[in-house]
Amino acid sequence: MPVIVLGELRYGFEKGTKGSENEAKLTTFLNHPHVSVLNVGETTSQCFAKLKHYLSKAGTPIPENDVWISALSVEHGLAVVTGDSHFDFLPQVARVLD
């Protein structure tokens, strides 16, 4: 689970009416032994720069957080599980539709 996604989820919890309930569910999920949080590091920043440059050259900018999520997925060789079409602009990113 990319740390960026955690921030986006928790932002949604703050805006919603079930913040405590949603946070409890998220905590249960994060405590599963097969789940780990992917943090941003130097290698991530290199992947980010390459992906952002690719998007800039193609004229297909996407939200900044989606580029960071993509960078983490490329760095770790993991697919992004999403229905968000922004990821269609990055063929370097494996994607599983939800």
PDB file of N, CA and C in Angstrom:
ATOM      1  N   MET A   1       0.848  -1.170   0.000  1.00  0.00           N
ATOM      2  CA  MET A   1       0.000   0.000   0.000  1.00  0.00           C
ATOM      3  C   MET A   1       0.897   1.237   0.000  1.00  0.00           C
ATOM      4  N   PRO A   2       0.844   2.023  -1.060  1.00  0.00           N
ATOM      5  CA  PRO A   2       1.642   3.248  -1.102  1.00  0.00           C
ATOM      6  C   PRO A   2       1.218   4.237  -0.007  1.00  0.00           C
ATOM      7  N   VAL A   3       2.191   4.824   0.651  1.00  0.00           N
ATOM      8  CA  VAL A   3       1.903   5.797   1.703  1.00  0.00           C
ATOM      9  C   VAL A   3       1.058   6.946   1.153  1.00  0.00           C
ATOM     10  N   ILE A   4       1.199   7.254  -0.123  1.00  0.00           N
ATOM     11  CA  ILE A   4       0.406   8.326  -0.741  1.00  0.00           C
ATOM     12  C   ILE A   4      -1.073   7.968  -0.721  1.00  0.00           C
ATOM     13  N   VAL A   5      -1.381   6.716  -0.980  1.00  0.00           N
ATOM     14  CA  VAL A   5      -2.778   6.256  -0.949  1.00  0.00           C
ATOM     15  C   VAL A   5      -3.334   6.379   0.466  1.00  0.00           C
ATOM     16  N   LEU A   6      -2.509   6.069   1.460  1.00  0.00           N
ATOM     17  CA  LEU A   6      -2.963   6.219   2.849  1.00  0.00           C
ATOM     18  C   LEU A   6      -3.348   7.669   3.135  1.00  0.00           C
ATOM     19  N   GLY A   7      -2.536   8.592   2.655  1.00  0.00           N
ATOM     20  CA  GLY A   7      -2.865  10.011   2.829  1.00  0.00           C
ATOM     21  C   GLY A   7      -4.168  10.381   2.152  1.00  0.00           C
ATOM     22  N   GLU A   8      -4.377   9.881   0.934  1.00  0.00           N
ATOM     23  CA  GLU A   8      -5.618  10.169   0.216  1.00  0.00           C
ATOM     24  C   GLU A   8      -6.828   9.568   0.939  1.00  0.00           C
ATOM     25  N   LEU A   9      -6.668   8.335   1.421  1.00  0.00           N
ATOM     26  CA  LEU A   9      -7.766   7.705   2.160  1.00  0.00           C
ATOM     27  C   LEU A   9      -8.099   8.492   3.425  1.00  0.00           C
ATOM     28  N   ARG A  10      -7.071   8.837   4.173  1.00  0.00           N
ATOM     29  CA  ARG A  10      -7.297   9.546   5.436  1.00  0.00           C
ATOM     30  C   ARG A  10      -7.858  10.949   5.212  1.00  0.00           C
ATOM     31  N   TYR A  11      -7.508  11.568   4.124  1.00  0.00           N
ATOM     32  CA  TYR A  11      -8.120  12.843   3.764  1.00  0.00           C
ATOM     33  C   TYR A  11      -9.623  12.647   3.553  1.00  0.00           C
ATOM     34  N   GLY A  12      -9.975  11.573   2.853  1.00  0.00           N
ATOM     35  CA  GLY A  12     -11.391  11.260   2.656  1.00  0.00           C
ATOM     36  C   GLY A  12     -12.098  10.988   3.979  1.00  0.00           C
ATOM     37  N   PHE A  13     -11.407  10.317   4.894  1.00  0.00           N
ATOM     38  CA  PHE A  13     -11.999  10.057   6.210  1.00  0.00           C
ATOM     39  C   PHE A  13     -12.291  11.370   6.929  1.00  0.00           C
ATOM     40  N   GLU A  14     -11.367  12.311   6.825  1.00  0.00           N
ATOM     41  CA  GLU A  14     -11.537  13.617   7.482  1.00  0.00           C
ATOM     42  C   GLU A  14     -12.757  14.360   6.940  1.00  0.00           C
ATOM     43  N   LYS A  15     -12.987  14.232   5.650  1.00  0.00           N
ATOM     44  CA  LYS A  15     -14.115  14.934   5.023  1.00  0.00           C
ATOM     45  C   LYS A  15     -15.440  14.244   5.286  1.00  0.00           C
ATOM     46  N   GLY A  16     -15.404  12.937   5.541  1.00  0.00           N
ATOM     47  CA  GLY A  16     -16.629  12.150   5.661  1.00  0.00           C
ATOM     48  C   GLY A  16     -17.211  12.152   7.068  1.00  0.00           C
ATOM     49  N   THR A  17     -18.240  11.345   7.221  1.00  0.00           N
ATOM     50  CA  THR A  17     -18.943  11.268   8.510  1.00  0.00           C
ATOM     51  C   THR A  17     -18.621   9.993   9.284  1.00  0.00           C
ATOM     52  N   LYS A  18     -17.820   9.100   8.695  1.00  0.00           N
ATOM     53  CA  LYS A  18     -17.494   7.830   9.343  1.00  0.00           C
ATOM     54  C   LYS A  18     -15.985   7.670   9.515  1.00  0.00           C
ATOM     55  N   GLY A  19     -15.321   8.759   9.870  1.00  0.00           N
ATOM     56  CA  GLY A  19     -13.869   8.755   9.969  1.00  0.00           C
ATOM     57  C   GLY A  19     -13.318   7.695  10.910  1.00  0.00           C
ATOM     58  N   SER A  20     -13.866   7.600  12.096  1.00  0.00           N
ATOM     59  CA  SER A  20     -13.373   6.625  13.080  1.00  0.00           C
ATOM     60  C   SER A  20     -13.603   5.199  12.603  1.00  0.00           C
ATOM     61  N   GLU A  21     -14.782   4.958  12.040  1.00  0.00           N
ATOM     62  CA  GLU A  21     -15.112   3.618  11.524  1.00  0.00           C
ATOM     63  C   GLU A  21     -14.179   3.240  10.374  1.00  0.00           C
ATOM     64  N   ASN A  22     -13.970   4.172   9.466  1.00  0.00           N
ATOM     65  CA  ASN A  22     -13.087   3.902   8.325  1.00  0.00           C
ATOM     66  C   ASN A  22     -11.639   3.727   8.759  1.00  0.00           C
ATOM     67  N   GLU A  23     -11.194   4.518   9.723  1.00  0.00           N
ATOM     68  CA  GLU A  23      -9.824   4.384  10.229  1.00  0.00           C
ATOM     69  C   GLU A  23      -9.627   3.018  10.882  1.00  0.00           C
ATOM     70  N   ALA A  24     -10.628   2.546  11.605  1.00  0.00           N
ATOM     71  CA  ALA A  24     -10.542   1.222  12.243  1.00  0.00           C
ATOM     72  C   ALA A  24     -10.428   0.122  11.181  1.00  0.00           C
ATOM     73  N   LYS A  25     -11.204   0.228  10.114  1.00  0.00           N
ATOM     74  CA  LYS A  25     -11.132  -0.754   9.030  1.00  0.00           C
ATOM     75  C   LYS A  25      -9.766  -0.713   8.345  1.00  0.00           C
ATOM     76  N   LEU A  26      -9.263   0.487   8.139  1.00  0.00           N
ATOM     77  CA  LEU A  26      -7.952   0.638   7.510  1.00  0.00           C
ATOM     78  C   LEU A  26      -6.866   0.032   8.397  1.00  0.00           C
ATOM     79  N   THR A  27      -6.941   0.276   9.680  1.00  0.00           N
ATOM     80  CA  THR A  27      -5.961  -0.280  10.617  1.00  0.00           C
ATOM     81  C   THR A  27      -5.979  -1.802  10.579  1.00  0.00           C
ATOM     82  N   THR A  28      -7.167  -2.389  10.543  1.00  0.00           N
ATOM     83  CA  THR A  28      -7.286  -3.843  10.439  1.00  0.00           C
ATOM     84  C   THR A  28      -6.621  -4.337   9.164  1.00  0.00           C
ATOM     85  N   PHE A  29      -6.886  -3.664   8.059  1.00  0.00           N
ATOM     86  CA  PHE A  29      -6.278  -4.028   6.781  1.00  0.00           C
ATOM     87  C   PHE A  29      -4.752  -3.931   6.850  1.00  0.00           C
ATOM     88  N   LEU A  30      -4.245  -2.826   7.382  1.00  0.00           N
ATOM     89  CA  LEU A  30      -2.797  -2.601   7.436  1.00  0.00           C
ATOM     90  C   LEU A  30      -2.090  -3.584   8.363  1.00  0.00           C
ATOM     91  N   ASN A  31      -2.818  -4.134   9.326  1.00  0.00           N
ATOM     92  CA  ASN A  31      -2.227  -5.104  10.252  1.00  0.00           C
ATOM     93  C   ASN A  31      -2.189  -6.522   9.685  1.00  0.00           C
ATOM     94  N   HIS A  32      -2.765  -6.725   8.513  1.00  0.00           N
ATOM     95  CA  HIS A  32      -2.713  -8.049   7.880  1.00  0.00           C
ATOM     96  C   HIS A  32      -1.262  -8.374   7.556  1.00  0.00           C
ATOM     97  N   PRO A  33      -0.834  -9.607   7.790  1.00  0.00           N
ATOM     98  CA  PRO A  33       0.579  -9.945   7.575  1.00  0.00           C
ATOM     99  C   PRO A  33       1.071  -9.817   6.130  1.00  0.00           C
ATOM    100  N   HIS A  34       0.178  -9.800   5.171  1.00  0.00           N
ATOM    101  CA  HIS A  34       0.592  -9.680   3.767  1.00  0.00           C
ATOM    102  C   HIS A  34       0.540  -8.249   3.252  1.00  0.00           C
ATOM    103  N   VAL A  35       0.266  -7.301   4.133  1.00  0.00           N
ATOM    104  CA  VAL A  35       0.176  -5.893   3.734  1.00  0.00           C
ATOM    105  C   VAL A  35       1.350  -5.130   4.334  1.00  0.00           C
ATOM    106  N   SER A  36       1.993  -4.341   3.498  1.00  0.00           N
ATOM    107  CA  SER A  36       3.033  -3.444   4.000  1.00  0.00           C
ATOM    108  C   SER A  36       2.851  -2.080   3.343  1.00  0.00           C
ATOM    109  N   VAL A  37       3.358  -1.063   4.005  1.00  0.00           N
ATOM    110  CA  VAL A  37       3.278   0.297   3.492  1.00  0.00           C
ATOM    111  C   VAL A  37       4.566   0.601   2.734  1.00  0.00           C
ATOM    112  N   LEU A  38       4.404   1.065   1.502  1.00  0.00           N
ATOM    113  CA  LEU A  38       5.542   1.442   0.668  1.00  0.00           C
ATOM    114  C   LEU A  38       5.816   2.927   0.856  1.00  0.00           C
ATOM    115  N   ASN A  39       6.998   3.234   1.346  1.00  0.00           N
ATOM    116  CA  ASN A  39       7.372   4.625   1.581  1.00  0.00           C
ATOM    117  C   ASN A  39       8.216   5.165   0.436  1.00  0.00           C
ATOM    118  N   VAL A  40       8.183   6.464   0.281  1.00  0.00           N
ATOM    119  CA  VAL A  40       8.928   7.148  -0.766  1.00  0.00           C
ATOM    120  C   VAL A  40      10.384   7.298  -0.337  1.00  0.00           C
ATOM    121  N   GLY A  41      11.282   6.984  -1.248  1.00  0.00           N
ATOM    122  CA  GLY A  41      12.714   7.135  -0.994  1.00  0.00           C
ATOM    123  C   GLY A  41      13.423   7.664  -2.230  1.00  0.00           C
ATOM    124  N   GLU A  42      14.728   7.606  -2.206  1.00  0.00           N
ATOM    125  CA  GLU A  42      15.512   8.146  -3.310  1.00  0.00           C
ATOM    126  C   GLU A  42      15.226   7.429  -4.629  1.00  0.00           C
ATOM    127  N   THR A  43      15.124   6.109  -4.593  1.00  0.00           N
ATOM    128  CA  THR A  43      14.827   5.359  -5.822  1.00  0.00           C
ATOM    129  C   THR A  43      13.452   5.740  -6.348  1.00  0.00           C
ATOM    130  N   THR A  44      12.507   5.948  -5.438  1.00  0.00           N
ATOM    131  CA  THR A  44      11.164   6.381  -5.847  1.00  0.00           C
ATOM    132  C   THR A  44      11.249   7.712  -6.582  1.00  0.00           C
ATOM    133  N   SER A  45      12.083   8.615  -6.073  1.00  0.00           N
ATOM    134  CA  SER A  45      12.196   9.939  -6.701  1.00  0.00           C
ATOM    135  C   SER A  45      12.757   9.832  -8.118  1.00  0.00           C
ATOM    136  N   GLN A  46      13.643   8.872  -8.339  1.00  0.00           N
ATOM    137  CA  GLN A  46      14.180   8.660  -9.681  1.00  0.00           C
ATOM    138  C   GLN A  46      13.091   8.132 -10.623  1.00  0.00           C
ATOM    139  N   CYS A  47      12.297   7.182 -10.136  1.00  0.00           N
ATOM    140  CA  CYS A  47      11.178   6.659 -10.938  1.00  0.00           C
ATOM    141  C   CYS A  47      10.175   7.764 -11.228  1.00  0.00           C
ATOM    142  N   PHE A  48       9.885   8.574 -10.201  1.00  0.00           N
ATOM    143  CA  PHE A  48       8.954   9.695 -10.356  1.00  0.00           C
ATOM    144  C   PHE A  48       9.425  10.630 -11.469  1.00  0.00           C
ATOM    145  N   ALA A  49      10.703  10.993 -11.432  1.00  0.00           N
ATOM    146  CA  ALA A  49      11.244  11.929 -12.425  1.00  0.00           C
ATOM    147  C   ALA A  49      11.103  11.377 -13.838  1.00  0.00           C
ATOM    148  N   LYS A  50      11.390  10.101 -14.018  1.00  0.00           N
ATOM    149  CA  LYS A  50      11.282   9.488 -15.351  1.00  0.00           C
ATOM    150  C   LYS A  50       9.829   9.446 -15.827  1.00  0.00           C
ATOM    151  N   LEU A  51       8.924   9.071 -14.928  1.00  0.00           N
ATOM    152  CA  LEU A  51       7.507   9.001 -15.308  1.00  0.00           C
ATOM    153  C   LEU A  51       6.947  10.387 -15.595  1.00  0.00           C
ATOM    154  N   LYS A  52       7.287  11.359 -14.762  1.00  0.00           N
ATOM    155  CA  LYS A  52       6.797  12.731 -14.955  1.00  0.00           C
ATOM    156  C   LYS A  52       7.333  13.296 -16.270  1.00  0.00           C
ATOM    157  N   HIS A  53       8.584  13.002 -16.584  1.00  0.00           N
ATOM    158  CA  HIS A  53       9.169  13.454 -17.846  1.00  0.00           C
ATOM    159  C   HIS A  53       8.459  12.793 -19.036  1.00  0.00           C
ATOM    160  N   TYR A  54       8.198  11.499 -18.925  1.00  0.00           N
ATOM    161  CA  TYR A  54       7.475  10.775 -19.972  1.00  0.00           C
ATOM    162  C   TYR A  54       6.110  11.430 -20.221  1.00  0.00           C
ATOM    163  N   LEU A  55       5.388  11.705 -19.147  1.00  0.00           N
ATOM    164  CA  LEU A  55       4.062  12.318 -19.275  1.00  0.00           C
ATOM    165  C   LEU A  55       4.150  13.717 -19.877  1.00  0.00           C
ATOM    166  N   SER A  56       5.166  14.470 -19.478  1.00  0.00           N
ATOM    167  CA  SER A  56       5.352  15.825 -20.002  1.00  0.00           C
ATOM    168  C   SER A  56       5.619  15.793 -21.504  1.00  0.00           C
ATOM    169  N   LYS A  57       6.507  14.896 -21.932  1.00  0.00           N
ATOM    170  CA  LYS A  57       6.810  14.771 -23.356  1.00  0.00           C
ATOM    171  C   LYS A  57       5.589  14.328 -24.153  1.00  0.00           C
ATOM    172  N   ALA A  58       4.753  13.479 -23.552  1.00  0.00           N
ATOM    173  CA  ALA A  58       3.564  12.972 -24.240  1.00  0.00           C
ATOM    174  C   ALA A  58       2.413  13.975 -24.193  1.00  0.00           C
ATOM    175  N   GLY A  59       2.543  15.014 -23.372  1.00  0.00           N
ATOM    176  CA  GLY A  59       1.461  15.997 -23.239  1.00  0.00           C
ATOM    177  C   GLY A  59       0.249  15.442 -22.505  1.00  0.00           C
ATOM    178  N   THR A  60       0.502  14.508 -21.581  1.00  0.00           N
ATOM    179  CA  THR A  60      -0.598  13.871 -20.850  1.00  0.00           C
ATOM    180  C   THR A  60      -0.360  13.942 -19.341  1.00  0.00           C
ATOM    181  N   PRO A  61      -0.410  15.147 -18.787  1.00  0.00           N
ATOM    182  CA  PRO A  61      -0.188  15.257 -17.345  1.00  0.00           C
ATOM    183  C   PRO A  61      -1.309  14.558 -16.562  1.00  0.00           C
ATOM    184  N   ILE A  62      -0.943  14.029 -15.407  1.00  0.00           N
ATOM    185  CA  ILE A  62      -1.924  13.412 -14.509  1.00  0.00           C
ATOM    186  C   ILE A  62      -1.679  13.989 -13.113  1.00  0.00           C
ATOM    187  N   PRO A  63      -2.616  13.797 -12.189  1.00  0.00           N
ATOM    188  CA  PRO A  63      -2.402  14.333 -10.835  1.00  0.00           C
ATOM    189  C   PRO A  63      -1.090  13.851 -10.225  1.00  0.00           C
ATOM    190  N   GLU A  64      -0.444  14.749  -9.515  1.00  0.00           N
ATOM    191  CA  GLU A  64       0.866  14.490  -8.926  1.00  0.00           C
ATOM    192  C   GLU A  64       0.881  13.230  -8.056  1.00  0.00           C
ATOM    193  N   ASN A  65      -0.144  13.054  -7.239  1.00  0.00           N
ATOM    194  CA  ASN A  65      -0.183  11.865  -6.381  1.00  0.00           C
ATOM    195  C   ASN A  65      -0.191  10.580  -7.203  1.00  0.00           C
ATOM    196  N   ASP A  66      -0.849  10.601  -8.345  1.00  0.00           N
ATOM    197  CA  ASP A  66      -0.891   9.405  -9.196  1.00  0.00           C
ATOM    198  C   ASP A  66       0.490   9.090  -9.784  1.00  0.00           C
ATOM    199  N   VAL A  67       1.283  10.126 -10.014  1.00  0.00           N
ATOM    200  CA  VAL A  67       2.652   9.893 -10.493  1.00  0.00           C
ATOM    201  C   VAL A  67       3.481   9.256  -9.378  1.00  0.00           C
ATOM    202  N   TRP A  68       3.321   9.728  -8.148  1.00  0.00           N
ATOM    203  CA  TRP A  68       4.054   9.138  -7.021  1.00  0.00           C
ATOM    204  C   TRP A  68       3.629   7.682  -6.800  1.00  0.00           C
ATOM    205  N   ILE A  69       2.343   7.419  -6.876  1.00  0.00           N
ATOM    206  CA  ILE A  69       1.846   6.042  -6.727  1.00  0.00           C
ATOM    207  C   ILE A  69       2.441   5.168  -7.827  1.00  0.00           C
ATOM    208  N   SER A  70       2.465   5.687  -9.038  1.00  0.00           N
ATOM    209  CA  SER A  70       3.049   4.957 -10.166  1.00  0.00           C
ATOM    210  C   SER A  70       4.533   4.702  -9.945  1.00  0.00           C
ATOM    211  N   ALA A  71       5.233   5.693  -9.427  1.00  0.00           N
ATOM    212  CA  ALA A  71       6.665   5.547  -9.175  1.00  0.00           C
ATOM    213  C   ALA A  71       6.926   4.422  -8.174  1.00  0.00           C
ATOM    214  N   LEU A  72       6.125   4.359  -7.129  1.00  0.00           N
ATOM    215  CA  LEU A  72       6.279   3.275  -6.153  1.00  0.00           C
ATOM    216  C   LEU A  72       5.980   1.924  -6.783  1.00  0.00           C
ATOM    217  N   SER A  73       4.976   1.869  -7.658  1.00  0.00           N
ATOM    218  CA  SER A  73       4.637   0.586  -8.284  1.00  0.00           C
ATOM    219  C   SER A  73       5.747   0.126  -9.215  1.00  0.00           C
ATOM    220  N   VAL A  74       6.342   1.052  -9.963  1.00  0.00           N
ATOM    221  CA  VAL A  74       7.452   0.703 -10.855  1.00  0.00           C
ATOM    222  C   VAL A  74       8.665   0.269 -10.029  1.00  0.00           C
ATOM    223  N   GLU A  75       8.974   1.035  -9.000  1.00  0.00           N
ATOM    224  CA  GLU A  75      10.131   0.722  -8.160  1.00  0.00           C
ATOM    225  C   GLU A  75      10.056  -0.690  -7.576  1.00  0.00           C
ATOM    226  N   HIS A  76       8.863  -1.076  -7.134  1.00  0.00           N
ATOM    227  CA  HIS A  76       8.691  -2.356  -6.455  1.00  0.00           C
ATOM    228  C   HIS A  76       8.173  -3.470  -7.368  1.00  0.00           C
ATOM    229  N   GLY A  77       7.944  -3.154  -8.649  1.00  0.00           N
ATOM    230  CA  GLY A  77       7.468  -4.161  -9.587  1.00  0.00           C
ATOM    231  C   GLY A  77       6.078  -4.674  -9.244  1.00  0.00           C
ATOM    232  N   LEU A  78       5.225  -3.773  -8.786  1.00  0.00           N
ATOM    233  CA  LEU A  78       3.867  -4.128  -8.378  1.00  0.00           C
ATOM    234  C   LEU A  78       2.836  -3.452  -9.273  1.00  0.00           C
ATOM    235  N   ALA A  79       1.681  -4.086  -9.395  1.00  0.00           N
ATOM    236  CA  ALA A  79       0.575  -3.502 -10.164  1.00  0.00           C
ATOM    237  C   ALA A  79      -0.208  -2.531  -9.290  1.00  0.00           C
ATOM    238  N   VAL A  80      -0.807  -1.563  -9.943  1.00  0.00           N
ATOM    239  CA  VAL A  80      -1.714  -0.635  -9.282  1.00  0.00           C
ATOM    240  C   VAL A  80      -3.131  -1.176  -9.481  1.00  0.00           C
ATOM    241  N   VAL A  81      -3.864  -1.308  -8.398  1.00  0.00           N
ATOM    242  CA  VAL A  81      -5.253  -1.766  -8.473  1.00  0.00           C
ATOM    243  C   VAL A  81      -6.126  -0.526  -8.475  1.00  0.00           C
ATOM    244  N   THR A  82      -6.701  -0.222  -9.641  1.00  0.00           N
ATOM    245  CA  THR A  82      -7.469   1.018  -9.768  1.00  0.00           C
ATOM    246  C   THR A  82      -8.360   0.992 -10.999  1.00  0.00           C
ATOM    247  N   GLY A  83      -9.388   1.773 -10.945  1.00  0.00           N
ATOM    248  CA  GLY A  83     -10.228   2.022 -12.107  1.00  0.00           C
ATOM    249  C   GLY A  83      -9.973   3.414 -12.661  1.00  0.00           C
ATOM    250  N   ASP A  84      -9.007   4.118 -12.086  1.00  0.00           N
ATOM    251  CA  ASP A  84      -8.675   5.492 -12.465  1.00  0.00           C
ATOM    252  C   ASP A  84      -7.981   5.500 -13.825  1.00  0.00           C
ATOM    253  N   SER A  85      -8.572   6.183 -14.773  1.00  0.00           N
ATOM    254  CA  SER A  85      -8.042   6.194 -16.142  1.00  0.00           C
ATOM    255  C   SER A  85      -6.740   6.980 -16.288  1.00  0.00           C
ATOM    256  N   HIS A  86      -6.357   7.764 -15.278  1.00  0.00           N
ATOM    257  CA  HIS A  86      -5.087   8.492 -15.365  1.00  0.00           C
ATOM    258  C   HIS A  86      -3.913   7.532 -15.584  1.00  0.00           C
ATOM    259  N   PHE A  87      -4.023   6.345 -15.016  1.00  0.00           N
ATOM    260  CA  PHE A  87      -2.930   5.385 -15.115  1.00  0.00           C
ATOM    261  C   PHE A  87      -2.808   4.800 -16.528  1.00  0.00           C
ATOM    262  N   ASP A  88      -3.828   5.016 -17.366  1.00  0.00           N
ATOM    263  CA  ASP A  88      -3.760   4.564 -18.761  1.00  0.00           C
ATOM    264  C   ASP A  88      -2.634   5.254 -19.523  1.00  0.00           C
ATOM    265  N   PHE A  89      -2.229   6.437 -19.069  1.00  0.00           N
ATOM    266  CA  PHE A  89      -1.203   7.212 -19.760  1.00  0.00           C
ATOM    267  C   PHE A  89       0.215   6.725 -19.456  1.00  0.00           C
ATOM    268  N   LEU A  90       0.330   5.740 -18.577  1.00  0.00           N
ATOM    269  CA  LEU A  90       1.647   5.233 -18.196  1.00  0.00           C
ATOM    270  C   LEU A  90       1.750   3.739 -18.498  1.00  0.00           C
ATOM    271  N   PRO A  91       2.158   3.390 -19.714  1.00  0.00           N
ATOM    272  CA  PRO A  91       2.281   1.969 -20.049  1.00  0.00           C
ATOM    273  C   PRO A  91       3.344   1.249 -19.214  1.00  0.00           C
ATOM    274  N   GLN A  92       4.211   2.008 -18.554  1.00  0.00           N
ATOM    275  CA  GLN A  92       5.244   1.421 -17.700  1.00  0.00           C
ATOM    276  C   GLN A  92       4.648   0.832 -16.417  1.00  0.00           C
ATOM    277  N   VAL A  93       3.411   1.208 -16.115  1.00  0.00           N
ATOM    278  CA  VAL A  93       2.775   0.810 -14.857  1.00  0.00           C
ATOM    279  C   VAL A  93       1.801  -0.342 -15.105  1.00  0.00           C
ATOM    280  N   ALA A  94       2.061  -1.460 -14.453  1.00  0.00           N
ATOM    281  CA  ALA A  94       1.116  -2.588 -14.526  1.00  0.00           C
ATOM    282  C   ALA A  94      -0.133  -2.182 -13.760  1.00  0.00           C
ATOM    283  N   ARG A  95      -1.281  -2.546 -14.304  1.00  0.00           N
ATOM    284  CA  ARG A  95      -2.541  -2.117 -13.698  1.00  0.00           C
ATOM    285  C   ARG A  95      -3.529  -3.256 -13.667  1.00  0.00           C
ATOM    286  N   VAL A  96      -4.221  -3.370 -12.553  1.00  0.00           N
ATOM    287  CA  VAL A  96      -5.309  -4.311 -12.385  1.00  0.00           C
ATOM    288  C   VAL A  96      -6.552  -3.482 -12.160  1.00  0.00           C
ATOM    289  N   LEU A  97      -7.565  -3.684 -12.966  1.00  0.00           N
ATOM    290  CA  LEU A  97      -8.793  -2.909 -12.814  1.00  0.00           C
ATOM    291  C   LEU A  97      -9.590  -3.416 -11.626  1.00  0.00           C
ATOM    292  N   ASP A  98     -10.102  -2.469 -10.848  1.00  0.00           N
ATOM    293  CA  ASP A  98     -10.953  -2.872  -9.720  1.00  0.00           C
ATOM    294  C   ASP A  98     -12.398  -2.674 -10.064  1.00  0.00           C
TER     295      ASP A  98
END
